[in-house]
Amino acid sequence: MTRPAGEVVPPEVRRAQTGTWVGLLLITVGTAFGAFFVDADVDPLVPGLFAVVAAVEVWLALRWWRSRRRRR
């Protein structure tokens, strides 16, 4: 849902949105590190896939953040 250009987003909504991005990133990175350090025999592809997902999440979060700042 897109907000009108003049509408101000309440601070608690911004904190919740930021917390969602941080939570998604921490879960993905934590899973990658956990798979890598807990099981030494794990295929190197598994942590790599989680790292790629984390990188995409960071990219999407930065795009979201930049678009939110431009609208203010």
N, C-alpha and C. Protein backbone atom coordinates (compact mmCIF):
# COMPACT_ATOMS: atom_id res chain seq x y z
N MET A 1 0.84 -1.17 0.00
CA MET A 1 0.00 0.00 0.00
C MET A 1 0.89 1.23 0.00
N THR A 2 0.61 2.16 -0.90
CA THR A 2 1.40 3.38 -1.00
C THR A 2 0.67 4.51 -0.30
N ARG A 3 1.42 5.26 0.46
CA ARG A 3 0.83 6.40 1.17
C ARG A 3 0.94 7.66 0.32
N PRO A 4 0.01 8.58 0.52
CA PRO A 4 0.14 9.86 -0.19
C PRO A 4 1.42 10.58 0.22
N ALA A 5 1.93 11.42 -0.66
CA ALA A 5 3.22 12.07 -0.44
C ALA A 5 3.24 12.94 0.81
N GLY A 6 2.15 13.57 1.17
CA GLY A 6 2.15 14.48 2.32
C GLY A 6 1.87 13.80 3.65
N GLU A 7 1.50 12.54 3.64
CA GLU A 7 1.14 11.85 4.87
C GLU A 7 2.38 11.47 5.68
N VAL A 8 2.33 11.74 6.97
CA VAL A 8 3.44 11.45 7.86
C VAL A 8 3.23 10.09 8.50
N VAL A 9 4.26 9.27 8.48
CA VAL A 9 4.19 7.93 9.09
C VAL A 9 4.55 8.09 10.57
N PRO A 10 3.71 7.56 11.46
CA PRO A 10 4.02 7.66 12.89
C PRO A 10 5.33 6.95 13.23
N PRO A 11 6.06 7.44 14.24
CA PRO A 11 7.35 6.83 14.60
C PRO A 11 7.24 5.36 14.99
N GLU A 12 6.15 4.97 15.64
CA GLU A 12 6.03 3.57 16.05
C GLU A 12 5.87 2.66 14.84
N VAL A 13 5.25 3.15 13.77
CA VAL A 13 5.13 2.36 12.55
C VAL A 13 6.50 2.21 11.90
N ARG A 14 7.27 3.30 11.86
CA ARG A 14 8.62 3.21 11.29
C ARG A 14 9.49 2.25 12.09
N ARG A 15 9.38 2.29 13.42
CA ARG A 15 10.17 1.36 14.26
C ARG A 15 9.76 -0.08 13.98
N ALA A 16 8.47 -0.32 13.82
CA ALA A 16 8.00 -1.69 13.54
C ALA A 16 8.50 -2.16 12.18
N GLN A 17 8.47 -1.29 11.18
CA GLN A 17 8.95 -1.68 9.86
C GLN A 17 10.45 -1.96 9.89
N THR A 18 11.20 -1.12 10.56
CA THR A 18 12.64 -1.33 10.68
C THR A 18 12.93 -2.60 11.45
N GLY A 19 12.20 -2.84 12.52
CA GLY A 19 12.38 -4.06 13.30
C GLY A 19 12.09 -5.31 12.50
N THR A 20 11.12 -5.23 11.59
CA THR A 20 10.81 -6.37 10.74
C THR A 20 11.99 -6.69 9.83
N TRP A 21 12.58 -5.67 9.20
CA TRP A 21 13.74 -5.90 8.33
C TRP A 21 14.91 -6.46 9.11
N VAL A 22 15.16 -5.91 10.29
CA VAL A 22 16.28 -6.39 11.11
C VAL A 22 16.03 -7.84 11.53
N GLY A 23 14.81 -8.15 11.92
CA GLY A 23 14.48 -9.52 12.31
C GLY A 23 14.67 -10.51 11.18
N LEU A 24 14.21 -10.15 9.99
CA LEU A 24 14.41 -11.03 8.83
C LEU A 24 15.88 -11.27 8.56
N LEU A 25 16.65 -10.22 8.63
CA LEU A 25 18.08 -10.35 8.36
C LEU A 25 18.79 -11.18 9.43
N LEU A 26 18.48 -10.94 10.70
CA LEU A 26 19.13 -11.71 11.77
C LEU A 26 18.77 -13.19 11.70
N ILE A 27 17.54 -13.51 11.38
CA ILE A 27 17.14 -14.91 11.27
C ILE A 27 17.91 -15.59 10.14
N THR A 28 18.02 -14.92 9.00
CA THR A 28 18.71 -15.52 7.86
C THR A 28 20.20 -15.68 8.13
N VAL A 29 20.83 -14.65 8.63
CA VAL A 29 22.27 -14.72 8.92
C VAL A 29 22.53 -15.73 10.04
N GLY A 30 21.69 -15.73 11.05
CA GLY A 30 21.85 -16.70 12.14
C GLY A 30 21.73 -18.13 11.67
N THR A 31 20.81 -18.39 10.76
CA THR A 31 20.66 -19.73 10.20
C THR A 31 21.89 -20.13 9.39
N ALA A 32 22.42 -19.19 8.62
CA ALA A 32 23.61 -19.49 7.81
C ALA A 32 24.80 -19.82 8.71
N PHE A 33 25.03 -18.99 9.73
CA PHE A 33 26.15 -19.26 10.64
C PHE A 33 25.93 -20.53 11.44
N GLY A 34 24.68 -20.75 11.86
CA GLY A 34 24.39 -21.96 12.62
C GLY A 34 24.64 -23.21 11.80
N ALA A 35 24.21 -23.21 10.56
CA ALA A 35 24.41 -24.38 9.69
C ALA A 35 25.90 -24.60 9.43
N PHE A 36 26.64 -23.53 9.33
CA PHE A 36 28.07 -23.64 9.02
C PHE A 36 28.88 -24.10 10.23
N PHE A 37 28.60 -23.55 11.41
CA PHE A 37 29.42 -23.85 12.58
C PHE A 37 28.97 -25.10 13.34
N VAL A 38 27.70 -25.43 13.28
CA VAL A 38 27.20 -26.58 14.04
C VAL A 38 27.55 -27.89 13.34
N ASP A 39 27.36 -27.92 12.04
CA ASP A 39 27.60 -29.15 11.29
C ASP A 39 28.78 -28.94 10.33
N ALA A 40 29.90 -29.54 10.66
CA ALA A 40 31.11 -29.35 9.84
C ALA A 40 30.99 -30.04 8.48
N ASP A 41 30.10 -31.03 8.38
CA ASP A 41 29.96 -31.77 7.13
C ASP A 41 28.89 -31.19 6.19
N VAL A 42 28.34 -30.06 6.56
CA VAL A 42 27.29 -29.47 5.73
C VAL A 42 27.88 -29.01 4.39
N ASP A 43 27.10 -29.16 3.36
CA ASP A 43 27.52 -28.73 2.03
C ASP A 43 27.74 -27.20 2.06
N PRO A 44 28.85 -26.70 1.54
CA PRO A 44 29.11 -25.25 1.56
C PRO A 44 28.05 -24.43 0.82
N LEU A 45 27.27 -25.10 0.01
CA LEU A 45 26.22 -24.40 -0.72
C LEU A 45 25.13 -23.87 0.21
N VAL A 46 24.85 -24.59 1.28
CA VAL A 46 23.75 -24.21 2.17
C VAL A 46 24.00 -22.85 2.83
N PRO A 47 25.14 -22.64 3.52
CA PRO A 47 25.37 -21.29 4.08
C PRO A 47 25.46 -20.22 2.99
N GLY A 48 25.97 -20.60 1.83
CA GLY A 48 26.05 -19.65 0.73
C GLY A 48 24.68 -19.18 0.26
N LEU A 49 23.74 -20.11 0.20
CA LEU A 49 22.38 -19.73 -0.19
C LEU A 49 21.75 -18.79 0.84
N PHE A 50 21.98 -19.09 2.12
CA PHE A 50 21.46 -18.20 3.16
C PHE A 50 22.14 -16.83 3.09
N ALA A 51 23.42 -16.80 2.75
CA ALA A 51 24.12 -15.53 2.61
C ALA A 51 23.56 -14.72 1.44
N VAL A 52 23.21 -15.39 0.36
CA VAL A 52 22.61 -14.69 -0.78
C VAL A 52 21.24 -14.13 -0.38
N VAL A 53 20.46 -14.91 0.32
CA VAL A 53 19.15 -14.43 0.78
C VAL A 53 19.32 -13.22 1.69
N ALA A 54 20.30 -13.27 2.58
CA ALA A 54 20.56 -12.14 3.48
C ALA A 54 20.97 -10.91 2.68
N ALA A 55 21.79 -11.08 1.66
CA ALA A 55 22.21 -9.95 0.83
C ALA A 55 21.03 -9.34 0.09
N VAL A 56 20.13 -10.18 -0.40
CA VAL A 56 18.94 -9.67 -1.09
C VAL A 56 18.04 -8.92 -0.10
N GLU A 57 17.92 -9.44 1.12
CA GLU A 57 17.13 -8.75 2.13
C GLU A 57 17.72 -7.39 2.47
N VAL A 58 19.04 -7.30 2.57
CA VAL A 58 19.69 -6.01 2.84
C VAL A 58 19.41 -5.06 1.68
N TRP A 59 19.53 -5.55 0.47
CA TRP A 59 19.28 -4.72 -0.70
C TRP A 59 17.84 -4.19 -0.69
N LEU A 60 16.88 -5.07 -0.44
CA LEU A 60 15.48 -4.64 -0.39
C LEU A 60 15.23 -3.65 0.74
N ALA A 61 15.84 -3.90 1.90
CA ALA A 61 15.67 -2.99 3.04
C ALA A 61 16.25 -1.61 2.73
N LEU A 62 17.39 -1.56 2.09
CA LEU A 62 17.99 -0.26 1.75
C LEU A 62 17.14 0.47 0.71
N ARG A 63 16.60 -0.25 -0.25
CA ARG A 63 15.71 0.39 -1.23
C ARG A 63 14.47 0.94 -0.55
N TRP A 64 13.91 0.16 0.38
CA TRP A 64 12.73 0.61 1.12
C TRP A 64 13.07 1.85 1.93
N TRP A 65 14.20 1.83 2.62
CA TRP A 65 14.61 2.95 3.47
C TRP A 65 14.83 4.22 2.63
N ARG A 66 15.50 4.07 1.49
CA ARG A 66 15.75 5.22 0.63
C ARG A 66 14.45 5.77 0.06
N SER A 67 13.51 4.91 -0.30
CA SER A 67 12.25 5.40 -0.84
C SER A 67 11.44 6.11 0.24
N ARG A 68 11.52 5.63 1.47
CA ARG A 68 10.81 6.29 2.58
C ARG A 68 11.41 7.67 2.85
N ARG A 69 12.74 7.79 2.78
CA ARG A 69 13.37 9.09 3.03
C ARG A 69 13.07 10.08 1.91
N ARG A 70 12.96 9.62 0.68
CA ARG A 70 12.66 10.52 -0.45
C ARG A 70 11.25 11.08 -0.36
N ARG A 71 10.33 10.33 0.23
CA ARG A 71 8.93 10.77 0.31
C ARG A 71 8.71 11.85 1.36
N ARG A 72 9.63 12.02 2.28
CA ARG A 72 9.43 13.01 3.35
C ARG A 72 9.58 14.40 2.87
